Protein backbone atom coordinates (compact mmCIF):
# COMPACT_ATOMS: atom_id res chain seq x y z
CA GLN A 1 77.58 169.35 -23.13
CA VAL A 2 78.35 168.11 -19.65
CA GLN A 3 78.04 164.38 -19.14
CA LEU A 4 78.69 161.98 -16.30
CA GLN A 5 78.90 158.34 -17.32
CA GLU A 6 79.02 155.51 -14.80
CA SER A 7 80.41 152.05 -15.43
CA GLY A 8 81.34 148.95 -13.48
CA GLY A 9 78.03 147.79 -12.08
CA GLY A 10 76.96 144.18 -12.15
CA LEU A 11 75.99 141.12 -10.15
CA VAL A 12 78.14 139.95 -7.27
CA GLN A 13 77.75 137.59 -4.36
CA ALA A 14 77.57 138.88 -0.82
CA GLY A 15 81.05 139.49 0.52
CA GLY A 16 82.41 140.30 -2.90
CA SER A 17 83.73 143.52 -4.39
CA LEU A 18 82.94 145.85 -7.26
CA ARG A 19 84.54 149.04 -8.50
CA LEU A 20 82.38 151.74 -10.05
CA SER A 21 83.82 154.46 -12.23
CA CYS A 22 82.39 157.75 -13.40
CA SER A 23 83.86 159.62 -16.31
CA ALA A 24 83.07 163.31 -16.60
CA SER A 25 83.17 165.25 -19.84
CA GLY A 26 82.21 168.68 -21.07
CA ARG A 27 83.99 170.58 -18.33
CA THR A 28 86.56 170.08 -15.63
CA PHE A 29 85.25 169.20 -12.20
CA SER A 30 88.44 169.83 -10.27
CA THR A 31 86.74 172.53 -8.16
CA TYR A 32 83.51 170.55 -7.72
CA VAL A 33 82.40 168.06 -5.13
CA MET A 34 81.82 164.72 -6.78
CA GLY A 35 79.72 162.10 -5.10
CA TRP A 36 77.97 158.79 -5.34
CA PHE A 37 74.33 158.18 -4.51
CA ARG A 38 72.17 155.08 -4.72
CA GLN A 39 68.52 154.22 -4.99
CA ALA A 40 67.11 150.84 -4.10
CA PRO A 41 63.71 149.66 -5.35
CA GLY A 42 60.91 151.35 -3.43
CA LYS A 43 63.31 153.60 -1.54
CA GLU A 44 64.46 157.19 -1.85
CA ARG A 45 67.81 158.03 -3.32
CA GLU A 46 70.47 158.24 -0.60
CA PHE A 47 73.93 159.64 -0.27
CA VAL A 48 76.83 157.18 -0.35
CA ALA A 49 80.10 159.11 -0.53
CA ALA A 50 81.63 162.38 -1.69
CA ALA A 51 85.08 163.76 -2.37
CA ARG A 52 86.58 167.16 -3.00
CA ARG A 53 90.09 168.47 -3.17
CA GLY A 54 91.72 169.31 0.13
CA VAL A 55 89.23 167.87 2.61
CA PRO A 56 88.56 164.36 3.93
CA ASN A 57 86.13 162.22 2.00
CA THR A 58 82.68 161.72 3.50
CA TYR A 59 80.68 158.51 3.68
CA ALA A 60 77.27 157.33 4.72
CA ASP A 61 77.45 155.37 7.98
CA SER A 62 76.15 152.29 6.21
CA VAL A 63 79.20 152.07 3.94
CA LYS A 64 82.00 153.36 6.18
CA GLY A 65 84.90 150.95 6.29
CA ARG A 66 83.66 149.06 3.23
CA PHE A 67 83.51 151.66 0.43
CA THR A 68 86.25 154.02 -0.72
CA ILE A 69 85.77 156.99 -3.02
CA SER A 70 88.67 158.33 -5.03
CA ARG A 71 89.22 160.92 -7.72
CA ASP A 72 91.62 161.36 -10.58
CA TYR A 73 91.72 165.09 -11.22
CA VAL A 74 93.76 164.71 -14.37
CA LYS A 75 91.42 162.18 -15.96
CA ASN A 76 88.31 163.92 -14.58
CA THR A 77 87.01 160.71 -13.05
CA VAL A 78 85.66 159.52 -9.71
CA SER A 79 85.57 155.92 -8.55
CA LEU A 80 83.88 153.95 -5.81
CA GLN A 81 85.59 150.81 -4.56
CA MET A 82 82.99 148.65 -2.83
CA ASN A 83 84.16 145.78 -0.65
CA THR A 84 82.36 143.31 1.59
CA LEU A 85 79.16 143.92 -0.32
CA LYS A 86 75.84 143.06 1.27
CA PRO A 87 72.43 142.38 -0.28
CA ASP A 88 71.30 145.73 1.20
CA ASP A 89 73.80 147.44 -1.11
CA THR A 90 71.69 146.41 -4.10
CA ALA A 91 70.65 149.61 -5.88
CA VAL A 92 71.18 151.80 -8.89
CA TYR A 93 74.30 153.86 -8.21
CA TYR A 94 74.57 157.40 -9.52
CA CYS A 95 77.53 159.69 -9.94
CA ALA A 96 76.87 163.38 -9.31
CA ALA A 97 78.68 166.71 -9.10
CA ARG A 98 77.99 170.00 -7.34
CA GLN A 99 79.76 173.28 -6.87
CA ILE A 100 81.46 173.84 -3.54
CA GLY A 101 79.19 175.89 -1.28
CA ILE A 102 76.01 174.83 -3.07
CA SER A 103 74.09 171.96 -1.54
CA ARG A 104 72.26 170.86 -4.67
CA TYR A 105 74.00 168.43 -6.99
CA GLU A 106 73.84 169.98 -10.43
CA TYR A 107 75.00 167.15 -12.68
CA TRP A 108 73.94 163.50 -12.60
CA GLY A 109 74.84 160.36 -14.47
CA GLN A 110 72.33 157.84 -15.77
CA GLY A 111 73.16 155.27 -13.11
CA THR A 112 74.56 151.76 -13.03
CA GLN A 113 72.89 148.74 -11.46
CA VAL A 114 74.59 146.89 -8.62
CA THR A 115 73.00 143.65 -7.48
CA VAL A 116 74.34 141.71 -4.51
CA SER A 117 73.04 138.19 -4.11
CA SER A 118 72.88 136.41 -0.78
């Protein structure tokens, strides 16, 4: 059974940092795109960042220069380092995976709450 499990969320003051991790099990995702999404209260889920082997990482404009996505292909994990956090970054953050060439993300984690206080 394929599972994605996020960890690392929490409460932080504006300007602070958090590091989210996502551990994948049930299959190897080395040939998959792995990404992070977020959903704030009352808003639609939005793309945050994605990474795949051999190409530059991609980021939403709102997080460029502040967030960094990274993958450990041996450990089958993906992380999101979030710096200079803002109250607008408050959301539930989800880890997801999709096959290269397919736009729909096939696998999703349960999400982890990130709350940034002003």
